[in-house]
N, C-alpha and C. Protein backbone atom coordinates (compact mmCIF):
# COMPACT_ATOMS: atom_id res chain seq x y z
N MET A 1 -5.50 18.55 -6.60
CA MET A 1 -4.31 18.41 -7.17
C MET A 1 -3.09 18.85 -6.24
N SER A 2 -3.43 19.93 -5.50
CA SER A 2 -2.35 20.30 -4.66
C SER A 2 -2.10 19.26 -3.61
N PHE A 3 -3.16 18.60 -3.05
CA PHE A 3 -2.89 17.58 -2.28
C PHE A 3 -1.97 16.39 -2.79
N VAL A 4 -2.13 16.17 -4.03
CA VAL A 4 -1.22 14.99 -4.74
C VAL A 4 0.05 15.44 -4.76
N LEU A 5 0.31 16.76 -5.11
CA LEU A 5 1.55 17.25 -5.20
C LEU A 5 2.47 17.47 -3.97
N SER A 6 1.54 17.88 -2.80
CA SER A 6 2.08 17.95 -1.48
C SER A 6 2.55 16.37 -0.91
N LEU A 7 1.55 15.54 -1.35
CA LEU A 7 2.02 14.21 -0.97
C LEU A 7 3.30 13.70 -1.73
N LEU A 8 3.36 13.90 -2.96
CA LEU A 8 4.45 13.49 -3.90
C LEU A 8 5.76 14.24 -3.22
N MET A 9 5.88 15.47 -2.77
CA MET A 9 6.89 16.08 -2.34
C MET A 9 7.45 15.53 -0.98
N ALA A 10 6.15 15.08 -0.15
CA ALA A 10 6.66 14.52 1.02
C ALA A 10 7.32 13.34 0.92
N LEU A 11 6.86 12.38 -0.06
CA LEU A 11 7.32 11.07 -0.47
C LEU A 11 8.76 11.30 -0.88
N VAL A 12 9.20 12.42 -1.77
CA VAL A 12 10.66 12.35 -2.13
C VAL A 12 11.36 12.96 -0.91
N LEU A 13 10.85 13.54 0.02
CA LEU A 13 11.80 13.95 1.30
C LEU A 13 12.01 12.50 2.14
N VAL A 14 10.98 11.94 2.27
CA VAL A 14 10.95 10.66 3.12
C VAL A 14 12.12 9.68 2.41
N SER A 15 12.02 9.69 1.09
CA SER A 15 12.88 8.70 0.41
C SER A 15 14.27 9.01 0.81
N TYR A 16 14.85 10.38 0.83
CA TYR A 16 16.19 10.79 1.13
C TYR A 16 16.44 10.82 2.63
N GLY A 17 15.58 10.25 3.55
CA GLY A 17 15.93 10.14 4.91
C GLY A 17 17.01 9.39 5.23
N PRO A 18 17.32 9.16 6.48
CA PRO A 18 18.37 8.51 7.03
C PRO A 18 17.96 7.09 6.61
N GLY A 19 19.04 6.17 5.97
CA GLY A 19 18.73 4.66 5.81
C GLY A 19 19.06 3.85 6.80
N GLY A 20 18.44 2.98 6.94
CA GLY A 20 18.62 1.77 7.78
C GLY A 20 18.45 0.41 7.27
N SER A 21 18.49 -0.48 7.83
CA SER A 21 18.18 -1.77 7.32
C SER A 21 16.91 -2.35 8.27
N LEU A 22 16.33 -3.41 7.48
CA LEU A 22 15.00 -4.01 8.38
C LEU A 22 15.43 -5.25 8.76
N GLY A 23 16.96 -5.67 9.18
CA GLY A 23 17.24 -6.87 9.55
C GLY A 23 17.42 -7.54 8.03
N CYS A 24 17.29 -6.81 6.96
CA CYS A 24 17.50 -7.43 5.44
C CYS A 24 17.87 -5.93 4.80
N TYR A 25 17.89 -6.15 3.47
CA TYR A 25 18.09 -4.95 2.71
C TYR A 25 16.97 -4.64 1.83
N LEU A 26 16.58 -3.34 2.05
CA LEU A 26 15.46 -2.80 1.22
C LEU A 26 16.28 -1.85 0.37
N SER A 27 16.18 -2.02 -1.03
CA SER A 27 16.82 -1.37 -1.69
C SER A 27 16.33 0.19 -1.78
N GLU A 28 17.13 1.36 -2.24
CA GLU A 28 16.59 2.73 -2.49
C GLU A 28 15.37 2.59 -3.41
N ASN A 29 15.63 1.79 -4.23
CA ASN A 29 14.39 1.62 -5.24
C ASN A 29 13.07 1.34 -4.54
N HIS A 30 13.08 0.88 -3.44
CA HIS A 30 11.82 0.38 -2.79
C HIS A 30 11.05 1.71 -2.65
N MET A 31 11.71 2.70 -1.94
CA MET A 31 10.85 4.11 -1.77
C MET A 31 10.51 4.60 -3.12
N LEU A 32 11.49 4.49 -4.10
CA LEU A 32 11.40 5.25 -5.26
C LEU A 32 10.11 4.55 -6.05
N ASN A 33 10.00 3.18 -5.87
CA ASN A 33 8.91 2.52 -6.46
C ASN A 33 7.56 2.94 -5.87
N ALA A 34 7.44 3.06 -4.38
CA ALA A 34 6.45 3.46 -3.64
C ALA A 34 5.91 4.88 -4.36
N GLN A 35 6.78 5.73 -4.56
CA GLN A 35 6.44 7.09 -5.27
C GLN A 35 6.09 7.11 -6.40
N GLU A 36 6.72 6.23 -7.38
CA GLU A 36 6.29 5.98 -8.66
C GLU A 36 4.90 5.43 -8.79
N ASN A 37 4.57 4.60 -7.64
CA ASN A 37 3.15 3.77 -7.75
C ASN A 37 2.12 4.99 -7.47
N LEU A 38 2.38 5.89 -6.54
CA LEU A 38 1.46 6.90 -6.26
C LEU A 38 1.19 7.76 -7.66
N ARG A 39 2.40 8.22 -8.21
CA ARG A 39 2.28 8.93 -9.42
C ARG A 39 1.61 8.35 -10.25
N LEU A 40 1.68 7.04 -10.71
CA LEU A 40 0.76 6.22 -11.62
C LEU A 40 -0.71 6.26 -11.38
N LEU A 41 -0.99 6.05 -9.93
CA LEU A 41 -2.01 5.96 -9.43
C LEU A 41 -2.95 7.61 -9.88
N ALA A 42 -2.14 8.34 -9.53
CA ALA A 42 -2.54 9.95 -9.98
C ALA A 42 -2.88 9.99 -11.44
N ARG A 43 -2.04 9.47 -12.16
CA ARG A 43 -2.33 9.55 -13.67
C ARG A 43 -3.30 8.72 -14.31
N MET A 44 -3.68 7.81 -13.34
CA MET A 44 -4.78 6.83 -13.75
C MET A 44 -6.15 7.47 -13.82
N ASN A 45 -6.30 8.54 -13.02
CA ASN A 45 -7.56 9.45 -13.04
C ASN A 45 -8.27 9.53 -14.43
N ARG A 46 -9.34 9.14 -14.56
CA ARG A 46 -10.06 9.26 -15.72
C ARG A 46 -11.47 10.05 -15.56
N LEU A 47 -11.86 10.23 -14.40
CA LEU A 47 -13.07 11.04 -13.92
C LEU A 47 -12.60 11.94 -12.93
N SER A 48 -13.48 13.03 -12.61
CA SER A 48 -13.41 14.01 -11.78
C SER A 48 -14.11 13.24 -10.38
N PRO A 49 -13.44 13.29 -9.08
CA PRO A 49 -13.59 12.52 -8.23
C PRO A 49 -15.22 13.31 -7.81
N HIS A 50 -15.36 14.58 -8.34
CA HIS A 50 -16.56 15.31 -7.84
C HIS A 50 -17.85 14.63 -8.35
N SER A 51 -17.52 14.28 -9.72
CA SER A 51 -18.56 13.67 -10.44
C SER A 51 -19.05 12.31 -9.86
N CYS A 52 -18.50 11.65 -8.88
CA CYS A 52 -18.69 10.45 -8.35
C CYS A 52 -18.89 10.62 -6.71
N LEU A 53 -19.33 11.91 -6.19
CA LEU A 53 -19.56 11.94 -4.86
C LEU A 53 -20.67 11.13 -4.25
N GLN A 54 -21.60 10.68 -5.27
CA GLN A 54 -22.50 9.91 -4.64
C GLN A 54 -22.18 8.58 -4.25
N ASP A 55 -20.84 8.18 -5.02
CA ASP A 55 -20.48 6.77 -4.74
C ASP A 55 -19.42 6.80 -3.64
N ARG A 56 -19.34 7.94 -2.93
CA ARG A 56 -18.17 7.85 -1.89
C ARG A 56 -18.63 6.86 -0.84
N LYS A 57 -17.38 6.21 -0.07
CA LYS A 57 -17.52 5.26 0.92
C LYS A 57 -16.30 5.36 1.93
N ASP A 58 -16.55 5.03 3.05
CA ASP A 58 -15.53 4.92 3.95
C ASP A 58 -15.37 3.53 4.30
N PHE A 59 -14.16 3.16 3.58
CA PHE A 59 -13.75 1.78 3.71
C PHE A 59 -13.23 1.34 4.99
N GLY A 60 -12.85 2.30 5.90
CA GLY A 60 -12.39 1.95 7.21
C GLY A 60 -10.94 1.59 7.16
N LEU A 61 -10.04 2.36 6.37
CA LEU A 61 -8.57 1.95 6.53
C LEU A 61 -8.13 2.21 7.86
N PRO A 62 -7.43 1.01 8.35
CA PRO A 62 -7.08 0.92 9.65
C PRO A 62 -5.72 1.95 9.65
N GLN A 63 -5.87 3.20 9.34
CA GLN A 63 -4.60 4.08 9.29
C GLN A 63 -3.56 4.02 10.47
N GLU A 64 -4.13 4.05 11.52
CA GLU A 64 -3.03 4.03 12.57
C GLU A 64 -2.38 2.55 12.64
N MET A 65 -2.89 1.71 12.13
CA MET A 65 -2.23 0.46 12.08
C MET A 65 -1.33 0.48 10.78
N VAL A 66 -1.82 0.95 9.65
CA VAL A 66 -0.89 0.84 8.40
C VAL A 66 0.22 1.80 8.60
N GLU A 67 -0.02 2.95 9.43
CA GLU A 67 1.24 3.78 9.60
C GLU A 67 2.02 3.33 10.56
N GLY A 68 1.73 2.33 11.28
CA GLY A 68 2.76 1.59 11.91
C GLY A 68 2.98 2.02 13.55
N GLY A 69 2.08 2.71 13.87
CA GLY A 69 2.25 3.32 15.35
C GLY A 69 1.96 2.41 16.53
N GLN A 70 1.04 1.23 15.94
CA GLN A 70 0.68 0.19 17.16
C GLN A 70 1.65 -0.91 16.90
N LEU A 71 2.28 -0.97 15.97
CA LEU A 71 2.93 -2.27 15.55
C LEU A 71 4.66 -2.51 15.97
N GLN A 72 4.84 -3.92 16.30
CA GLN A 72 6.36 -3.85 16.18
C GLN A 72 6.82 -4.02 14.90
N ASP A 73 8.09 -4.10 14.70
CA ASP A 73 8.67 -4.03 13.38
C ASP A 73 8.50 -5.38 12.50
N ALA A 74 8.49 -6.37 13.30
CA ALA A 74 7.97 -7.58 12.61
C ALA A 74 6.79 -7.65 12.25
N GLN A 75 5.59 -7.30 12.99
CA GLN A 75 4.24 -6.95 12.37
C GLN A 75 4.10 -5.87 11.43
N ALA A 76 4.90 -4.90 11.47
CA ALA A 76 5.08 -3.88 10.63
C ALA A 76 5.34 -4.39 9.06
N ILE A 77 6.34 -5.29 9.24
CA ILE A 77 6.74 -5.76 7.80
C ILE A 77 5.66 -6.62 7.26
N SER A 78 5.18 -7.44 8.09
CA SER A 78 4.00 -8.24 7.57
C SER A 78 2.89 -7.36 7.11
N VAL A 79 2.36 -6.51 7.74
CA VAL A 79 1.32 -5.65 7.52
C VAL A 79 1.58 -4.88 6.27
N LEU A 80 2.70 -4.47 6.08
CA LEU A 80 3.12 -3.78 4.54
C LEU A 80 3.25 -4.67 3.54
N HIS A 81 3.61 -5.95 3.82
CA HIS A 81 3.70 -6.95 2.78
C HIS A 81 2.06 -7.32 2.26
N GLU A 82 1.25 -7.53 3.37
CA GLU A 82 -0.13 -7.80 3.06
C GLU A 82 -0.85 -6.47 2.32
N MET A 83 -0.31 -5.26 2.67
CA MET A 83 -1.07 -4.17 1.99
C MET A 83 -0.55 -4.23 0.57
N LEU A 84 0.41 -4.32 0.27
CA LEU A 84 1.08 -4.28 -1.27
C LEU A 84 0.72 -5.41 -1.67
N GLN A 85 0.43 -6.61 -1.26
CA GLN A 85 -0.02 -7.98 -2.01
C GLN A 85 -1.42 -7.91 -2.36
N GLN A 86 -2.19 -7.31 -1.39
CA GLN A 86 -3.66 -6.85 -1.63
C GLN A 86 -3.87 -6.09 -2.78
N SER A 87 -3.07 -4.72 -2.66
CA SER A 87 -2.99 -3.89 -3.75
C SER A 87 -2.89 -4.40 -5.17
N PHE A 88 -1.75 -5.24 -5.04
CA PHE A 88 -1.49 -6.03 -6.26
C PHE A 88 -2.64 -6.66 -6.80
N ASN A 89 -3.22 -7.64 -6.09
CA ASN A 89 -4.28 -8.47 -6.35
C ASN A 89 -5.36 -7.53 -6.92
N LEU A 90 -5.93 -6.47 -6.28
CA LEU A 90 -6.94 -5.56 -6.63
C LEU A 90 -6.89 -5.14 -8.18
N PHE A 91 -5.55 -4.71 -8.47
CA PHE A 91 -5.36 -4.02 -9.91
C PHE A 91 -4.93 -5.01 -10.81
N HIS A 92 -4.58 -6.25 -10.25
CA HIS A 92 -4.17 -7.44 -11.33
C HIS A 92 -5.28 -8.31 -11.64
N THR A 93 -6.42 -7.70 -11.91
CA THR A 93 -7.67 -8.58 -12.45
C THR A 93 -8.07 -8.16 -13.85
N GLU A 94 -8.93 -9.04 -14.35
CA GLU A 94 -9.61 -8.74 -15.58
C GLU A 94 -10.32 -7.60 -15.45
N ARG A 95 -11.24 -7.33 -14.46
CA ARG A 95 -11.96 -6.12 -14.01
C ARG A 95 -11.39 -4.86 -14.27
N SER A 96 -10.17 -5.01 -13.34
CA SER A 96 -9.38 -3.59 -13.51
C SER A 96 -8.93 -3.37 -14.95
N SER A 97 -8.46 -4.25 -15.48
CA SER A 97 -8.09 -4.13 -16.95
C SER A 97 -9.01 -3.01 -17.69
N ALA A 98 -10.23 -3.73 -17.60
CA ALA A 98 -11.41 -2.93 -18.22
C ALA A 98 -11.58 -1.52 -17.94
N ALA A 99 -11.05 -1.13 -16.70
CA ALA A 99 -11.39 0.12 -16.23
C ALA A 99 -10.20 1.11 -16.47
N TRP A 100 -8.96 0.70 -16.71
CA TRP A 100 -7.82 1.51 -16.70
C TRP A 100 -7.00 1.41 -17.93
N ASP A 101 -6.34 2.47 -18.24
CA ASP A 101 -5.47 2.54 -19.43
C ASP A 101 -4.44 1.35 -19.10
N THR A 102 -4.30 0.31 -19.89
CA THR A 102 -3.51 -0.86 -19.61
C THR A 102 -1.98 -0.55 -19.42
N THR A 103 -1.52 0.36 -20.25
CA THR A 103 -0.04 0.73 -19.88
C THR A 103 0.29 1.17 -18.53
N LEU A 104 -0.41 2.01 -18.10
CA LEU A 104 -0.50 2.57 -16.71
C LEU A 104 -0.57 1.56 -15.66
N LEU A 105 -1.76 0.66 -16.02
CA LEU A 105 -2.02 -0.44 -15.03
C LEU A 105 -0.76 -1.42 -14.88
N GLU A 106 -0.32 -1.70 -16.16
CA GLU A 106 0.91 -2.70 -16.04
C GLU A 106 2.01 -2.25 -15.26
N GLN A 107 2.18 -0.82 -15.55
CA GLN A 107 3.39 -0.37 -14.84
C GLN A 107 3.25 -0.30 -13.20
N LEU A 108 1.85 0.20 -12.67
CA LEU A 108 1.61 0.10 -11.44
C LEU A 108 1.75 -1.41 -10.82
N CYS A 109 1.33 -2.24 -11.56
CA CYS A 109 1.43 -3.68 -11.22
C CYS A 109 2.70 -4.27 -10.89
N THR A 110 3.88 -3.89 -11.84
CA THR A 110 4.95 -4.01 -11.92
C THR A 110 5.76 -3.27 -10.69
N GLY A 111 5.42 -2.11 -10.52
CA GLY A 111 5.91 -1.44 -9.22
C GLY A 111 5.66 -2.01 -8.06
N LEU A 112 4.41 -2.39 -7.98
CA LEU A 112 3.73 -3.29 -6.55
C LEU A 112 4.46 -4.51 -6.60
N HIS A 113 4.56 -5.08 -7.77
CA HIS A 113 5.30 -6.42 -7.55
C HIS A 113 6.87 -6.21 -7.14
N GLN A 114 7.57 -5.31 -7.67
CA GLN A 114 8.93 -4.99 -7.26
C GLN A 114 9.10 -4.64 -5.76
N GLN A 115 7.96 -3.75 -5.18
CA GLN A 115 7.89 -3.59 -3.87
C GLN A 115 7.93 -5.04 -3.13
N LEU A 116 7.02 -5.75 -3.60
CA LEU A 116 6.72 -7.08 -2.76
C LEU A 116 7.93 -7.80 -2.94
N ASP A 117 8.65 -7.88 -3.86
CA ASP A 117 9.97 -8.63 -4.05
C ASP A 117 10.86 -8.20 -3.10
N ASP A 118 11.13 -6.77 -2.53
CA ASP A 118 12.07 -6.11 -1.80
C ASP A 118 11.67 -6.70 -0.45
N LEU A 119 10.34 -6.78 -0.19
CA LEU A 119 9.86 -7.13 1.28
C LEU A 119 9.86 -8.69 1.46
N ASP A 120 9.92 -9.46 0.42
CA ASP A 120 10.18 -10.78 0.38
C ASP A 120 11.36 -11.26 1.34
N ALA A 121 12.41 -10.57 1.25
CA ALA A 121 13.67 -10.78 1.80
C ALA A 121 13.51 -10.40 3.30
N CYS A 122 12.71 -9.36 3.53
CA CYS A 122 12.30 -9.18 5.09
C CYS A 122 11.43 -10.16 5.72
N LEU A 123 10.62 -10.90 4.96
CA LEU A 123 9.68 -11.70 5.49
C LEU A 123 10.31 -13.08 6.03
N GLY A 124 11.53 -13.41 5.06
CA GLY A 124 12.24 -14.64 5.43
C GLY A 124 12.75 -14.59 7.04
N PRO A 125 13.35 -13.60 7.31
CA PRO A 125 13.99 -13.54 8.52
C PRO A 125 12.70 -13.47 9.83
N VAL A 126 11.77 -12.84 9.29
CA VAL A 126 10.84 -12.61 10.17
C VAL A 126 9.94 -13.99 10.52
N THR A 127 9.62 -14.58 9.25
CA THR A 127 8.90 -15.84 9.48
C THR A 127 9.55 -16.93 10.40
N GLY A 128 10.87 -16.77 10.33
CA GLY A 128 11.68 -17.92 10.83
C GLY A 128 11.82 -17.72 12.57
N GLU A 129 11.26 -16.54 13.13
CA GLU A 129 11.11 -16.25 14.43
C GLU A 129 10.27 -17.19 15.28
N LYS A 130 10.67 -17.54 16.40
CA LYS A 130 9.65 -18.28 17.29
C LYS A 130 8.23 -17.27 17.40
N ASP A 131 7.05 -17.93 17.56
CA ASP A 131 5.66 -17.25 17.58
C ASP A 131 5.53 -16.34 16.50
N SER A 132 6.10 -16.49 15.37
CA SER A 132 6.13 -15.57 14.28
C SER A 132 4.62 -15.16 13.77
N GLY A 133 3.81 -16.29 13.71
CA GLY A 133 2.55 -15.71 13.21
C GLY A 133 1.58 -15.21 14.24
N LEU A 134 1.77 -15.48 15.57
CA LEU A 134 0.64 -15.29 16.61
C LEU A 134 0.57 -13.72 16.71
N GLY A 135 1.68 -12.82 16.64
CA GLY A 135 1.44 -11.51 16.90
C GLY A 135 0.94 -10.72 15.65
N ARG A 136 1.02 -11.40 14.48
CA ARG A 136 0.83 -10.65 13.49
C ARG A 136 -0.56 -11.11 12.54
N ILE A 137 -1.24 -12.06 13.20
CA ILE A 137 -2.44 -12.58 12.45
C ILE A 137 -3.65 -11.62 12.53
N GLY A 138 -3.66 -10.85 13.72
CA GLY A 138 -4.72 -9.88 14.06
C GLY A 138 -4.58 -8.66 13.00
N PRO A 139 -3.44 -8.09 12.98
CA PRO A 139 -3.11 -6.84 12.00
C PRO A 139 -3.25 -7.47 10.46
N ILE A 140 -3.01 -8.45 10.14
CA ILE A 140 -3.17 -9.19 8.80
C ILE A 140 -4.42 -9.34 8.40
N LEU A 141 -5.31 -9.88 9.35
CA LEU A 141 -6.64 -10.02 9.03
C LEU A 141 -7.33 -8.83 9.02
N THR A 142 -7.02 -7.67 9.90
CA THR A 142 -7.52 -6.45 9.75
C THR A 142 -7.28 -5.78 8.08
N VAL A 143 -6.14 -5.88 7.66
CA VAL A 143 -5.70 -5.50 6.17
C VAL A 143 -6.63 -6.35 5.29
N LYS A 144 -6.73 -7.63 5.36
CA LYS A 144 -7.52 -8.28 4.50
C LYS A 144 -8.84 -7.99 4.58
N LYS A 145 -9.27 -7.75 5.64
CA LYS A 145 -10.97 -7.33 5.80
C LYS A 145 -11.04 -6.04 5.08
N TYR A 146 -10.28 -5.14 5.23
CA TYR A 146 -10.47 -3.81 4.60
C TYR A 146 -10.23 -4.00 3.15
N PHE A 147 -9.55 -4.87 2.56
CA PHE A 147 -9.65 -5.00 1.10
C PHE A 147 -10.85 -5.78 0.75
N GLN A 148 -11.15 -6.71 1.56
CA GLN A 148 -12.52 -7.57 1.27
C GLN A 148 -13.53 -6.56 1.20
N GLY A 149 -13.79 -5.56 2.04
CA GLY A 149 -14.68 -4.52 1.78
C GLY A 149 -14.53 -3.64 0.55
N ILE A 150 -13.41 -3.57 -0.02
CA ILE A 150 -13.06 -2.82 -1.30
C ILE A 150 -13.70 -3.86 -2.26
N HIS A 151 -13.37 -4.86 -2.34
CA HIS A 151 -13.92 -5.85 -3.41
C HIS A 151 -15.57 -6.01 -3.37
N PHE A 152 -16.11 -6.06 -2.30
CA PHE A 152 -17.60 -6.04 -2.07
C PHE A 152 -18.13 -4.79 -2.49
N TYR A 153 -17.46 -3.72 -2.45
CA TYR A 153 -17.97 -2.46 -2.92
C TYR A 153 -18.07 -2.47 -4.43
N LEU A 154 -16.89 -2.85 -5.07
CA LEU A 154 -16.90 -2.90 -6.45
C LEU A 154 -18.00 -3.83 -6.99
N LYS A 155 -18.32 -4.95 -6.30
CA LYS A 155 -19.16 -5.75 -6.99
C LYS A 155 -20.46 -5.13 -6.85
N GLU A 156 -20.92 -4.71 -5.57
CA GLU A 156 -22.17 -3.96 -5.27
C GLU A 156 -22.48 -2.96 -6.47
N LYS A 157 -21.33 -2.30 -6.71
CA LYS A 157 -21.38 -1.02 -7.85
C LYS A 157 -21.15 -1.73 -9.26
N GLU A 158 -21.28 -3.01 -9.42
CA GLU A 158 -20.90 -3.64 -10.78
C GLU A 158 -19.74 -2.89 -11.38
N TYR A 159 -18.49 -2.76 -10.80
CA TYR A 159 -17.33 -2.22 -11.27
C TYR A 159 -17.56 -0.99 -12.07
N SER A 160 -18.49 -0.18 -11.76
CA SER A 160 -18.53 1.14 -12.68
C SER A 160 -17.41 1.96 -12.47
N ASP A 161 -17.31 2.71 -13.61
CA ASP A 161 -16.13 3.57 -13.70
C ASP A 161 -16.04 4.64 -12.28
N CYS A 162 -17.18 4.94 -11.65
CA CYS A 162 -17.03 5.75 -10.60
C CYS A 162 -16.66 4.84 -9.39
N ALA A 163 -17.00 3.68 -9.32
CA ALA A 163 -16.60 3.07 -8.36
C ALA A 163 -15.09 2.72 -8.40
N TRP A 164 -14.67 2.32 -9.66
CA TRP A 164 -13.06 2.25 -9.71
C TRP A 164 -12.47 3.49 -9.23
N GLU A 165 -12.98 4.73 -9.58
CA GLU A 165 -12.36 6.01 -9.27
C GLU A 165 -12.33 6.22 -7.88
N ILE A 166 -13.30 5.66 -7.20
CA ILE A 166 -13.37 6.00 -5.66
C ILE A 166 -12.34 5.03 -4.95
N VAL A 167 -12.26 3.80 -5.60
CA VAL A 167 -11.35 2.87 -5.04
C VAL A 167 -9.66 3.32 -5.56
N ARG A 168 -9.69 4.05 -6.64
CA ARG A 168 -8.48 4.48 -7.04
C ARG A 168 -7.88 5.53 -6.00
N VAL A 169 -8.89 6.37 -5.60
CA VAL A 169 -8.56 7.49 -4.71
C VAL A 169 -8.12 6.71 -3.14
N GLU A 170 -8.72 5.93 -2.88
CA GLU A 170 -8.67 5.05 -1.69
C GLU A 170 -7.45 4.24 -1.62
N MET A 171 -6.91 4.10 -2.63
CA MET A 171 -5.63 3.31 -2.85
C MET A 171 -4.57 4.24 -2.62
N MET A 172 -4.68 5.36 -3.22
CA MET A 172 -3.58 6.56 -3.09
C MET A 172 -3.39 6.81 -1.46
N ARG A 173 -4.64 6.72 -0.88
CA ARG A 173 -4.58 6.98 0.65
C ARG A 173 -3.97 6.12 1.45
N ALA A 174 -4.50 4.86 0.87
CA ALA A 174 -3.78 3.62 1.69
C ALA A 174 -2.28 3.47 1.43
N LEU A 175 -1.96 3.62 0.13
CA LEU A 175 -0.27 3.40 -0.16
C LEU A 175 0.21 4.64 0.27
N SER A 176 -0.02 5.77 0.30
CA SER A 176 0.67 6.86 0.82
C SER A 176 0.72 6.78 2.47
N SER A 177 -0.32 6.21 3.19
CA SER A 177 -0.09 5.97 4.64
C SER A 177 1.03 4.69 4.89
N SER A 178 1.01 3.77 3.90
CA SER A 178 2.09 2.71 3.92
C SER A 178 3.39 3.23 3.97
N THR A 179 3.75 4.54 3.25
CA THR A 179 5.04 5.00 3.04
C THR A 179 5.47 5.54 4.41
N THR A 180 4.33 5.85 5.46
CA THR A 180 4.70 6.30 6.73
C THR A 180 5.26 4.97 7.42
N LEU A 181 4.77 3.93 7.36
CA LEU A 181 5.12 2.73 7.96
C LEU A 181 6.40 2.27 7.32
N GLN A 182 6.78 2.46 6.06
CA GLN A 182 8.20 2.30 5.55
C GLN A 182 9.34 3.07 6.27
N GLU A 183 8.96 4.27 6.47
CA GLU A 183 9.94 5.31 7.01
C GLU A 183 9.96 4.93 8.30
N ARG A 184 8.96 4.71 9.14
CA ARG A 184 9.37 4.24 10.56
C ARG A 184 10.21 3.06 10.65
N LEU A 185 10.07 1.84 9.60
CA LEU A 185 10.91 0.85 9.84
C LEU A 185 12.27 1.15 9.22
N LYS A 186 12.52 2.21 8.46
CA LYS A 186 13.97 2.59 8.13
C LYS A 186 14.59 3.26 9.46
N GLN A 187 13.79 4.06 10.05
CA GLN A 187 14.16 4.79 11.24
C GLN A 187 14.60 3.93 12.53
N THR A 188 13.97 2.84 12.76
CA THR A 188 14.05 1.79 13.63
C THR A 188 15.53 0.95 13.36
N GLY A 189 15.71 1.12 12.30
CA GLY A 189 16.97 0.29 11.74
C GLY A 189 16.83 -1.23 11.63
N GLY A 190 15.34 -1.50 11.58
CA GLY A 190 14.98 -2.93 11.35
C GLY A 190 15.13 -3.91 12.62
N ASP A 191 15.17 -3.22 13.75
CA ASP A 191 15.29 -4.25 14.96
C ASP A 191 14.02 -4.90 15.20
N LEU A 192 13.72 -6.11 14.66
CA LEU A 192 12.61 -6.89 14.71
C LEU A 192 12.07 -6.99 16.02
N ASN A 193 12.76 -6.67 17.08
CA ASN A 193 12.26 -6.91 18.46
C ASN A 193 11.90 -5.42 18.97
N SER A 194 11.88 -4.39 18.18
CA SER A 194 11.70 -3.10 18.90
C SER A 194 10.20 -3.16 18.99
N PRO A 195 9.63 -2.45 20.20
CA PRO A 195 8.25 -2.06 20.31
C PRO A 195 7.63 -1.15 19.24
């Protein structure tokens, strides 16, 4: 629990950092939605993670890439969008509806969708650039492969409560890492050609 509180405090501090633009406008609500999504994921906890230790799995989160250290801003925007889209797809299924409180789940999906809408404005200028797809295909495929592993895991575990709990914790980790990427984008001022 102290980890979650520390994480939430860090996110609050990040959201009040110096603003920039991404060559487009990300509303202040974007980071607030990210914080709220993490709070919702924390509230969705139905089981003690300790009771599910036997179901733990390393999904291979490409943390360095998700945090943006290896990416140019154009790639980073695409990776962030893919992370949010895949997270939305994961939680916007009939199987997830059976696993979670539907009110919290709907609020989470709404928050993820709002973040995606914010990023859609950024993807417009990015996808119009020359060679736009070439540099982003590898990182996007890495994110897709990561989420494919999560889907296979859930299927293998027959969508058990413990499997969903492990995935919930993993999604908190993934989405909190993506906030680092968002902050980096804000700090660069959205220069889509920066290294």
